[in-house]
Amino acid sequence: MTVDFEWPKTIPEWRNRCWEPEGSRPYDLWKPEPLQNFFQEHGYTLWISMYEQGLGDNVELLPPNGEPRRPDGFTFLTRYQCEPGIVIYKSNFSHVNNIHCPARTIHNQDVLIRLVSIDGDVTADEHYEAIQRLSAGQSAFRGDNYTLPLLNELEFNGLKFVVFPLLSLGAAYMPWFYNVAEILDYLMQVFKGVKFCHDNLIAHLDLDSDNILYNFAGARMQPNEVVESNVTGPFRSHFPIRYYITDFEMAVCFDKDSDPASRKITGLPNDRVGRAGEYDREYAPEMLLSEPYCPFKVDVWYLGRMLNIDMDTEVKGFIETHLKALHEDFSFDDVFGKYFAQDIIQSEQIMQAFDEVRSTTTVQLSFT
């Protein structure tokens, strides 16, 4: 790297350098030697770019050494991967977004390093506040907290980075549910996760399945052709699956002493963080109005939209029954509160509600 290299001054500028100017690539801002050396001094070696190694015109990253990934307590493999004779392929990471980059620790555990803020750029203040409130300190130990725990914070030349466990892609890419119990588990974890955020006065404003991660280390999701699936069981039977809500870049945070009536915002969430025209979701109806709106109700709207799209016709009746008031004036607890009345959610209640509409939907016991 030459001495006149100039780092971006804002998060939007960093993002814009992903593919601009022409010829730029997502890895460009991560490959300067001073930054790589800085991470190594703190025990992290960034994954390497196949393109930079002359291994093809792609955005795939590979671990920096040939050692297998060591367990970290956050991620698991399936038993399919452990069957005799199964070829274990080297992990890879599709680096299509330059805001983050995977790294390997000195103990061969894999993490994800994300740029969270830049000195002088206020557009990222609430993102950092949300991480501190949800993912750091004692909150990270809460069993009802479904956000990724913050492992470390690093600062280099005014660039503030956060380190998280490296998990698999969003829930949109995982295998479909095997039975009704797996659907209920998914719903309850996501509902509890959103409620935990709201209890801490944080609205996500970007809820969708690509921002729901799960604790799979990657590799084989299905049995080898020579292995009977009934021997090893369905995908989610292989480890205690846990879902995580991630990416709070659009989030809004309110102070605990604030007047509840004042907890409203105006405008589009992407405009608030300096990303005009960069919102890959359908806008909630109230976002397009000039009046202040409740961001917590918007979260519920997006939650309902996400589940309705993801589940599609198989559980459409269930979703419509419990989210039918999405366009009415209500809070999260108005819709889901009865399921959180006790510390332990009564899954039997949800199962009973599901059964009420089961006869009129296409839901089957098994979805394989």
Protein backbone atom coordinates (compact mmCIF):
# COMPACT_ATOMS: atom_id res chain seq x y z
CA MET A 1 0.00 0.00 0.00
CA THR A 2 1.34 3.44 -0.88
CA VAL A 3 1.75 6.13 1.77
CA ASP A 4 -0.89 8.33 0.11
CA PHE A 5 -3.64 5.72 0.54
CA GLU A 6 -6.73 7.45 1.89
CA TRP A 7 -9.25 5.55 3.98
CA PRO A 8 -12.96 6.30 3.51
CA LYS A 9 -14.30 8.95 5.87
CA THR A 10 -17.81 7.52 6.27
CA ILE A 11 -19.52 4.15 6.29
CA PRO A 12 -21.49 4.97 3.10
CA GLU A 13 -18.21 5.90 1.38
CA TRP A 14 -16.66 2.61 2.49
CA ARG A 15 -19.63 0.72 1.10
CA ASN A 16 -19.49 2.62 -2.19
CA ARG A 17 -15.88 1.53 -2.66
CA CYS A 18 -17.07 -2.07 -2.97
CA TRP A 19 -17.28 -1.89 -6.77
CA GLU A 20 -16.33 1.73 -7.48
CA PRO A 21 -14.35 3.11 -9.18
CA GLU A 22 -14.43 0.61 -12.02
CA GLY A 23 -12.23 -2.38 -11.32
CA SER A 24 -12.70 -2.22 -7.55
CA ARG A 25 -13.51 -5.35 -5.59
CA PRO A 26 -14.95 -5.95 -2.08
CA TYR A 27 -11.58 -7.17 -0.73
CA ASP A 28 -9.65 -4.03 -1.75
CA LEU A 29 -10.14 -2.12 1.51
CA TRP A 30 -9.15 -5.15 3.58
CA LYS A 31 -5.94 -6.06 1.78
CA PRO A 32 -3.68 -3.06 2.64
CA GLU A 33 -0.71 -4.41 4.57
CA PRO A 34 -0.99 -2.02 7.56
CA LEU A 35 -4.56 -3.17 8.23
CA GLN A 36 -3.69 -6.85 7.77
CA ASN A 37 -0.73 -6.44 10.13
CA PHE A 38 -2.93 -4.66 12.67
CA PHE A 39 -5.36 -7.57 12.76
CA GLN A 40 -2.51 -10.07 13.03
CA GLU A 41 -1.11 -8.17 16.01
CA HIS A 42 -4.46 -8.77 17.70
CA GLY A 43 -4.55 -12.46 16.85
CA TYR A 44 -6.62 -12.42 13.64
CA THR A 45 -5.50 -13.37 10.13
CA LEU A 46 -7.91 -12.32 7.40
CA TRP A 47 -9.11 -14.93 4.95
CA ILE A 48 -7.42 -14.71 1.56
CA SER A 49 -8.98 -13.73 -1.76
CA MET A 50 -9.01 -16.36 -4.50
CA TYR A 51 -8.91 -13.53 -7.03
CA GLU A 52 -5.82 -12.01 -5.40
CA GLN A 53 -4.20 -15.45 -5.49
CA GLY A 54 -4.92 -15.79 -9.20
CA LEU A 55 -7.45 -18.57 -8.61
CA GLY A 56 -10.30 -17.19 -10.67
CA ASP A 57 -12.37 -14.10 -11.29
CA ASN A 58 -14.66 -14.43 -8.29
CA VAL A 59 -15.28 -12.97 -4.83
CA GLU A 60 -14.66 -16.14 -2.84
CA LEU A 61 -12.40 -16.03 0.22
CA LEU A 62 -10.54 -19.01 1.70
CA PRO A 63 -9.09 -19.62 5.17
CA PRO A 64 -5.49 -18.40 5.46
CA ASN A 65 -4.12 -21.85 6.29
CA GLY A 66 -4.88 -25.49 5.60
CA GLU A 67 -5.84 -26.33 9.17
CA PRO A 68 -9.42 -27.43 9.90
CA ARG A 69 -11.65 -25.00 11.73
CA ARG A 70 -11.57 -25.65 15.47
CA PRO A 71 -14.75 -25.77 17.57
CA ASP A 72 -15.72 -22.47 19.16
CA GLY A 73 -18.88 -23.39 21.08
CA PHE A 74 -21.06 -21.37 18.70
CA THR A 75 -21.22 -23.53 15.58
CA PHE A 76 -21.76 -27.19 14.74
CA LEU A 77 -21.46 -29.65 11.87
CA THR A 78 -23.99 -32.28 10.86
CA ARG A 79 -23.37 -35.97 11.31
CA TYR A 80 -23.51 -36.20 7.52
CA GLN A 81 -20.13 -34.48 7.49
CA CYS A 82 -18.68 -37.02 9.92
CA GLU A 83 -19.60 -40.19 8.03
CA PRO A 84 -16.66 -42.42 6.99
CA GLY A 85 -15.39 -41.64 3.52
CA ILE A 86 -17.02 -38.20 3.27
CA VAL A 87 -14.75 -35.68 1.57
CA ILE A 88 -14.28 -32.56 3.70
CA TYR A 89 -14.01 -29.58 1.39
CA LYS A 90 -12.21 -26.40 2.34
CA SER A 91 -14.49 -23.65 3.66
CA ASN A 92 -15.15 -20.60 1.52
CA PHE A 93 -16.89 -17.26 2.00
CA SER A 94 -18.63 -15.25 -0.72
CA HIS A 95 -17.34 -11.73 -0.15
CA VAL A 96 -20.01 -9.70 -1.93
CA ASN A 97 -20.25 -7.04 0.80
CA ASN A 98 -17.12 -5.13 1.78
CA ILE A 99 -18.45 -4.05 5.18
CA HIS A 100 -17.14 -7.26 6.72
CA CYS A 101 -14.46 -9.91 6.26
CA PRO A 102 -13.88 -13.34 7.85
CA ALA A 103 -10.71 -14.00 9.81
CA ARG A 104 -9.03 -16.90 11.59
CA THR A 105 -7.68 -16.68 15.13
CA ILE A 106 -4.33 -18.01 16.28
CA HIS A 107 -6.29 -21.03 17.56
CA ASN A 108 -7.84 -21.69 14.11
CA GLN A 109 -11.30 -20.53 15.13
CA ASP A 110 -13.15 -18.48 12.53
CA VAL A 111 -14.76 -15.10 13.19
CA LEU A 112 -16.34 -12.28 11.21
CA ILE A 113 -14.83 -8.80 11.50
CA ARG A 114 -17.19 -5.94 10.65
CA LEU A 115 -16.53 -2.25 10.25
CA VAL A 116 -19.11 -0.63 12.51
CA SER A 117 -18.17 3.07 12.61
CA ILE A 118 -15.66 5.69 11.48
CA ASP A 119 -14.60 8.66 13.60
CA GLY A 120 -16.54 11.75 12.57
CA ASP A 121 -19.35 9.81 10.87
CA VAL A 122 -22.50 10.05 12.96
CA THR A 123 -24.56 7.83 10.64
CA ALA A 124 -23.28 4.74 12.46
CA ASP A 125 -23.80 5.93 16.04
CA GLU A 126 -27.05 4.05 16.63
CA HIS A 127 -25.68 0.87 15.07
CA TYR A 128 -22.81 0.90 17.56
CA GLU A 129 -25.19 1.73 20.41
CA ALA A 130 -27.43 -1.21 19.47
CA ILE A 131 -24.46 -3.58 19.51
CA GLN A 132 -23.32 -2.29 22.90
CA ARG A 133 -26.79 -2.61 24.37
CA LEU A 134 -27.61 -6.05 22.96
CA SER A 135 -24.36 -7.92 22.26
CA ALA A 136 -21.88 -6.72 24.88
CA GLY A 137 -21.54 -7.21 28.62
CA GLN A 138 -24.03 -9.19 30.66
CA SER A 139 -26.75 -8.89 28.01
CA ALA A 140 -24.73 -11.23 25.79
CA PHE A 141 -25.14 -14.01 28.38
CA ARG A 142 -28.95 -13.84 28.39
CA GLY A 143 -30.61 -17.00 27.13
CA ASP A 144 -33.47 -15.00 25.61
CA ASN A 145 -31.06 -12.77 23.71
CA TYR A 146 -30.94 -13.90 20.09
CA THR A 147 -28.31 -11.44 18.87
CA LEU A 148 -24.72 -12.47 18.19
CA PRO A 149 -22.33 -11.99 21.13
CA LEU A 150 -19.62 -9.38 20.67
CA LEU A 151 -16.23 -11.11 20.96
CA ASN A 152 -13.94 -8.11 20.56
CA GLU A 153 -13.64 -4.48 19.50
CA LEU A 154 -10.68 -3.08 17.57
CA GLU A 155 -9.80 0.41 16.35
CA PHE A 156 -7.37 1.32 13.56
CA ASN A 157 -6.87 4.89 12.30
CA GLY A 158 -10.37 5.90 13.38
CA LEU A 159 -11.93 2.76 11.92
CA LYS A 160 -13.85 0.84 14.59
CA PHE A 161 -14.29 -2.89 14.02
CA VAL A 162 -16.35 -5.44 15.93
CA VAL A 163 -15.71 -9.19 15.99
CA PHE A 164 -18.45 -11.82 16.00
CA PRO A 165 -18.53 -15.62 15.63
CA LEU A 166 -18.65 -16.70 11.98
CA LEU A 167 -22.04 -18.34 11.38
CA SER A 168 -23.83 -19.61 8.31
CA LEU A 169 -25.82 -17.54 5.84
CA GLY A 170 -29.31 -16.32 6.63
CA ALA A 171 -32.25 -18.56 7.36
CA ALA A 172 -33.35 -18.24 3.74
CA TYR A 173 -30.53 -20.60 2.77
CA MET A 174 -31.05 -23.35 5.31
CA PRO A 175 -32.87 -26.63 4.64
CA TRP A 176 -36.66 -26.54 4.86
CA PHE A 177 -38.35 -27.63 8.08
CA TYR A 178 -38.83 -31.34 8.67
CA ASN A 179 -41.95 -31.05 10.81
CA VAL A 180 -44.27 -28.66 12.65
CA ALA A 181 -42.15 -28.70 15.80
CA GLU A 182 -39.20 -27.25 13.87
CA ILE A 183 -41.39 -24.45 12.53
CA LEU A 184 -42.59 -23.62 16.03
CA ASP A 185 -39.03 -23.58 17.35
CA TYR A 186 -38.00 -21.17 14.60
CA LEU A 187 -40.99 -18.90 15.21
CA MET A 188 -40.52 -18.80 18.96
CA GLN A 189 -36.81 -18.04 18.75
CA VAL A 190 -37.36 -15.22 16.27
CA PHE A 191 -40.31 -13.82 18.24
CA LYS A 192 -38.30 -13.89 21.46
CA GLY A 193 -35.34 -12.28 19.73
CA VAL A 194 -37.41 -9.39 18.40
CA LYS A 195 -39.09 -8.95 21.77
CA PHE A 196 -35.69 -8.80 23.51
CA CYS A 197 -34.66 -6.01 21.15
CA HIS A 198 -37.89 -4.12 21.79
CA ASP A 199 -37.60 -4.59 25.54
CA ASN A 200 -34.24 -2.84 25.24
CA LEU A 201 -35.91 -0.06 23.22
CA ILE A 202 -34.21 -0.99 19.95
CA ALA A 203 -36.12 -1.34 16.69
CA HIS A 204 -34.26 -3.27 13.99
CA LEU A 205 -35.98 -1.80 10.89
CA ASP A 206 -34.39 -4.32 8.52
CA LEU A 207 -35.90 -7.66 9.53
CA ASP A 208 -35.77 -10.31 6.84
CA SER A 209 -34.58 -13.88 6.53
CA ASP A 210 -31.14 -12.85 5.26
CA ASN A 211 -30.60 -11.17 8.62
CA ILE A 212 -31.44 -14.33 10.55
CA LEU A 213 -28.31 -16.44 10.98
CA TYR A 214 -28.05 -19.89 12.52
CA ASN A 215 -25.32 -21.84 14.28
CA PHE A 216 -24.25 -24.13 11.46
CA ALA A 217 -20.52 -24.29 10.69
CA GLY A 218 -21.22 -25.02 7.04
CA ALA A 219 -20.44 -27.93 4.70
CA ARG A 220 -22.79 -30.88 4.16
CA MET A 221 -26.51 -30.35 4.84
CA GLN A 222 -27.67 -33.66 3.38
CA PRO A 223 -26.43 -37.24 3.65
CA ASN A 224 -24.05 -38.71 1.12
CA GLU A 225 -25.66 -40.86 -1.57
CA VAL A 226 -24.44 -44.00 0.20
CA VAL A 227 -25.87 -43.01 3.60
CA GLU A 228 -29.53 -43.54 4.41
CA SER A 229 -31.10 -40.32 5.70
CA ASN A 230 -33.11 -42.18 8.32
CA VAL A 231 -29.84 -43.38 9.88
CA THR A 232 -28.54 -39.90 10.60
CA GLY A 233 -31.85 -38.05 10.98
CA PRO A 234 -33.06 -34.70 9.60
CA PHE A 235 -30.79 -31.66 9.51
CA ARG A 236 -32.01 -29.93 12.69
CA SER A 237 -31.69 -33.11 14.77
CA HIS A 238 -27.90 -32.99 14.55
CA PHE A 239 -27.26 -30.12 16.96
CA PRO A 240 -29.19 -27.71 19.22
CA ILE A 241 -30.08 -25.20 16.53
CA ARG A 242 -30.17 -21.55 17.50
CA TYR A 243 -31.19 -18.60 15.36
CA TYR A 244 -29.68 -15.13 15.64
CA ILE A 245 -30.94 -11.72 14.56
CA THR A 246 -28.10 -9.74 13.01
CA ASP A 247 -27.25 -6.52 11.12
CA PHE A 248 -28.51 -3.58 13.19
CA GLU A 249 -27.17 -0.96 10.80
CA MET A 250 -30.65 0.51 10.25
CA ALA A 251 -31.63 0.27 13.92
CA VAL A 252 -33.01 3.08 16.04
CA CYS A 253 -32.38 3.21 19.80
CA PHE A 254 -34.33 5.05 22.46
CA ASP A 255 -33.17 6.00 25.93
CA LYS A 256 -34.81 4.11 28.77
CA ASP A 257 -35.87 7.41 30.35
CA SER A 258 -37.52 8.68 27.18
CA ASP A 259 -41.23 9.40 27.06
CA PRO A 260 -42.94 6.40 25.40
CA ALA A 261 -45.02 8.81 23.34
CA SER A 262 -41.81 10.25 21.87
CA ARG A 263 -40.50 6.93 20.57
CA LYS A 264 -41.31 7.63 16.96
CA ILE A 265 -39.31 8.44 13.86
CA THR A 266 -39.94 9.86 10.40
CA GLY A 267 -38.61 9.01 6.98
CA LEU A 268 -36.88 6.00 5.49
CA PRO A 269 -34.41 3.95 7.55
CA ASN A 270 -31.80 3.83 4.79
CA ASP A 271 -31.86 7.64 4.48
CA ARG A 272 -31.20 7.94 8.21
CA VAL A 273 -27.89 6.08 7.82
CA GLY A 274 -26.76 7.82 4.64
CA ARG A 275 -27.76 5.09 2.19
CA ALA A 276 -30.37 6.80 0.01
CA GLY A 277 -31.82 4.40 -2.54
CA GLU A 278 -30.19 1.38 -0.88
CA TYR A 279 -33.04 -0.44 0.82
CA ASP A 280 -33.67 -3.94 -0.49
CA ARG A 281 -37.05 -4.32 1.21
CA GLU A 282 -40.56 -3.26 0.47
CA TYR A 283 -41.21 -0.14 2.52
CA ALA A 284 -43.70 -0.47 5.35
CA PRO A 285 -46.76 1.71 4.59
CA GLU A 286 -46.12 4.24 7.38
CA MET A 287 -42.54 4.84 6.20
CA LEU A 288 -43.91 6.56 3.11
CA LEU A 289 -46.03 9.02 5.09
CA SER A 290 -44.88 12.37 6.44
CA GLU A 291 -46.18 11.72 9.95
CA PRO A 292 -43.98 10.22 12.70
CA TYR A 293 -44.43 6.48 13.08
CA CYS A 294 -43.64 3.80 15.64
CA PRO A 295 -40.55 1.79 14.55
CA PHE A 296 -41.50 -1.12 16.80
CA LYS A 297 -44.74 -1.62 14.89
CA VAL A 298 -42.75 -1.47 11.66
CA ASP A 299 -40.59 -4.32 12.96
CA VAL A 300 -43.69 -6.43 13.49
CA TRP A 301 -44.87 -5.57 9.98
CA TYR A 302 -41.54 -6.76 8.55
CA LEU A 303 -41.58 -9.83 10.77
CA GLY A 304 -44.98 -10.80 9.43
CA ARG A 305 -43.91 -10.11 5.86
CA MET A 306 -40.75 -12.20 6.30
CA LEU A 307 -42.56 -15.17 7.74
CA ASN A 308 -45.37 -15.00 5.22
CA ILE A 309 -42.92 -15.01 2.31
CA ASP A 310 -40.60 -17.64 3.78
CA MET A 311 -43.34 -20.02 4.83
CA ASP A 312 -45.50 -19.32 1.76
CA THR A 313 -48.57 -21.53 1.37
CA GLU A 314 -47.51 -24.33 3.76
CA VAL A 315 -48.24 -22.31 6.87
CA LYS A 316 -50.07 -19.35 5.39
CA GLY A 317 -53.12 -19.92 7.54
CA PHE A 318 -51.03 -19.86 10.70
CA ILE A 319 -49.29 -16.63 9.74
CA GLU A 320 -52.50 -14.90 8.69
CA THR A 321 -54.23 -15.90 11.92
CA HIS A 322 -51.53 -14.41 14.16
CA LEU A 323 -50.46 -11.43 12.07
CA LYS A 324 -53.85 -10.41 10.66
CA ALA A 325 -53.73 -7.08 12.51
CA LEU A 326 -50.56 -5.87 10.83
CA HIS A 327 -52.22 -2.80 9.36
CA GLU A 328 -54.00 -1.86 12.59
CA ASP A 329 -52.76 0.13 15.58
CA PHE A 330 -51.13 -2.34 17.95
CA SER A 331 -47.87 -3.14 19.72
CA PHE A 332 -45.78 -6.30 19.61
CA ASP A 333 -47.36 -7.55 22.84
CA ASP A 334 -50.85 -6.97 21.44
CA VAL A 335 -50.14 -9.67 18.89
CA PHE A 336 -47.68 -11.99 20.58
CA GLY A 337 -47.86 -10.97 24.23
CA LYS A 338 -49.85 -13.99 25.39
CA TYR A 339 -46.96 -16.22 24.35
CA PHE A 340 -44.52 -14.27 26.52
CA ALA A 341 -46.64 -13.96 29.65
CA GLN A 342 -44.31 -16.39 31.41
CA ASP A 343 -40.55 -16.82 31.29
CA ILE A 344 -41.05 -20.06 29.38
CA ILE A 345 -43.19 -19.83 26.26
CA GLN A 346 -46.02 -22.32 26.28
CA SER A 347 -45.49 -23.99 22.92
CA GLU A 348 -48.70 -25.95 23.42
CA GLN A 349 -50.63 -22.69 22.97
CA ILE A 350 -49.00 -22.02 19.63
CA MET A 351 -49.47 -25.64 18.58
CA GLN A 352 -53.17 -25.39 19.43
CA ALA A 353 -53.50 -22.21 17.36
CA PHE A 354 -51.65 -23.89 14.52
CA ASP A 355 -53.97 -26.89 14.66
CA GLU A 356 -56.98 -24.59 14.34
CA VAL A 357 -55.99 -23.71 10.78
CA ARG A 358 -54.17 -26.90 9.88
CA SER A 359 -57.22 -28.54 8.35
CA THR A 360 -57.59 -25.70 5.84
CA THR A 361 -53.93 -25.46 4.81
CA THR A 362 -51.49 -27.69 2.99
CA VAL A 363 -49.34 -28.26 6.07
CA GLN A 364 -48.06 -31.81 6.43
CA LEU A 365 -46.27 -33.44 9.34
CA SER A 366 -43.08 -33.75 7.33
CA PHE A 367 -41.77 -31.33 4.72
CA THR A 368 -38.99 -33.49 3.32
